[in-house]
Amino acid sequence: MSNPANPVHVEWNDFSELHEKSDGGGLFSGLKAIRQGTLADLVHFVVSLPEDEQAQYVIEKLGDHRLEIGEILNLARRPDYPHLHS
């Protein structure tokens, strides 16, 4: 049975990269990464920034999934978010 508060499992330890939203992505995207780490750590980094700076960044998750600020904030609010109590 699925838990309505946690409908989709998140791989918090997946390798991810932080990018400036305006970096254009592309073939050499990995070379433009500002920071690399787990998805949980990069979500924590972005939400710890001043609110007016958060939307300047995206997280590129393993498997070519690009998370923008709305999705990043939603992840940070999940009850299973590892940094919830940090």
Protein backbone atom coordinates (compact mmCIF):
# COMPACT_ATOMS: atom_id res chain seq x y z
CA MET A 1 0.00 0.00 0.00
CA SER A 2 1.38 3.42 -0.88
CA ASN A 3 1.67 6.17 1.67
CA PRO A 4 -0.26 9.29 0.55
CA ALA A 5 2.26 11.55 2.33
CA ASN A 6 5.10 9.93 0.33
CA PRO A 7 3.57 8.76 -2.97
CA VAL A 8 6.84 8.48 -4.92
CA HIS A 9 10.12 7.15 -3.59
CA VAL A 10 13.00 9.60 -3.98
CA GLU A 11 16.60 8.42 -4.36
CA TRP A 12 18.13 11.06 -2.10
CA ASN A 13 21.65 9.66 -2.61
CA ASP A 14 21.56 9.87 -6.43
CA PHE A 15 24.50 11.74 -7.96
CA SER A 16 23.41 15.23 -8.98
CA GLU A 17 24.89 18.51 -10.18
CA LEU A 18 24.04 22.10 -9.42
CA HIS A 19 23.92 24.48 -12.39
CA GLU A 20 23.05 28.07 -13.03
CA LYS A 21 19.64 28.04 -14.67
CA SER A 22 20.99 30.10 -17.57
CA ASP A 23 23.99 27.88 -18.40
CA GLY A 24 22.21 26.35 -21.41
CA GLY A 25 22.83 22.67 -20.58
CA GLY A 26 24.00 20.79 -23.64
CA LEU A 27 26.72 18.30 -24.39
CA PHE A 28 29.28 19.81 -22.01
CA SER A 29 26.80 20.37 -19.20
CA GLY A 30 28.94 18.46 -16.70
CA LEU A 31 31.77 20.93 -17.20
CA LYS A 32 29.47 23.79 -16.21
CA ALA A 33 28.46 22.27 -12.87
CA ILE A 34 28.92 24.61 -9.92
CA ARG A 35 28.70 21.83 -7.37
CA GLN A 36 28.24 18.06 -7.35
CA GLY A 37 26.83 15.80 -4.67
CA THR A 38 23.79 13.83 -3.63
CA LEU A 39 20.33 15.07 -4.51
CA ALA A 40 19.63 15.63 -0.79
CA ASP A 41 22.76 17.73 -0.32
CA LEU A 42 22.08 19.91 -3.35
CA VAL A 43 18.43 20.45 -2.37
CA HIS A 44 19.71 21.51 1.05
CA PHE A 45 22.22 23.89 -0.53
CA VAL A 46 19.62 25.58 -2.76
CA VAL A 47 17.01 26.02 -0.03
CA SER A 48 19.66 27.45 2.31
CA LEU A 49 20.36 30.28 -0.16
CA PRO A 50 18.55 33.64 0.22
CA GLU A 51 15.10 33.35 -1.39
CA ASP A 52 15.92 35.89 -4.09
CA GLU A 53 18.86 33.74 -5.28
CA GLN A 54 17.24 30.27 -5.21
CA ALA A 55 15.53 30.48 -8.61
CA GLN A 56 18.90 31.14 -10.32
CA TYR A 57 19.85 27.46 -9.91
CA VAL A 58 18.70 24.07 -11.14
CA ILE A 59 19.69 20.58 -10.11
CA GLU A 60 20.46 18.02 -12.80
CA LYS A 61 19.80 14.58 -11.39
CA LEU A 62 21.12 11.28 -12.64
CA GLY A 63 19.05 10.26 -15.66
CA ASP A 64 18.82 13.73 -17.22
CA HIS A 65 16.11 15.09 -14.93
CA ARG A 66 16.38 18.85 -14.45
CA LEU A 67 14.78 20.17 -11.27
CA GLU A 68 13.82 23.84 -11.13
CA ILE A 69 13.06 25.79 -7.97
CA GLY A 70 9.43 24.69 -7.60
CA GLU A 71 10.34 21.02 -7.64
CA ILE A 72 13.38 21.64 -5.39
CA LEU A 73 11.20 23.37 -2.78
CA ASN A 74 8.62 20.57 -2.96
CA LEU A 75 11.36 18.01 -2.32
CA ALA A 76 12.58 20.00 0.69
CA ARG A 77 9.06 19.85 2.19
CA ARG A 78 8.73 16.07 1.95
CA PRO A 79 8.53 14.20 5.25
CA ASP A 80 11.31 11.85 4.09
CA TYR A 81 13.69 14.72 3.20
CA PRO A 82 16.97 13.82 4.99
CA HIS A 83 17.84 17.42 5.96
CA LEU A 84 14.40 18.21 7.37
CA HIS A 85 15.78 18.58 10.88
CA SER A 86 19.18 20.07 10.08
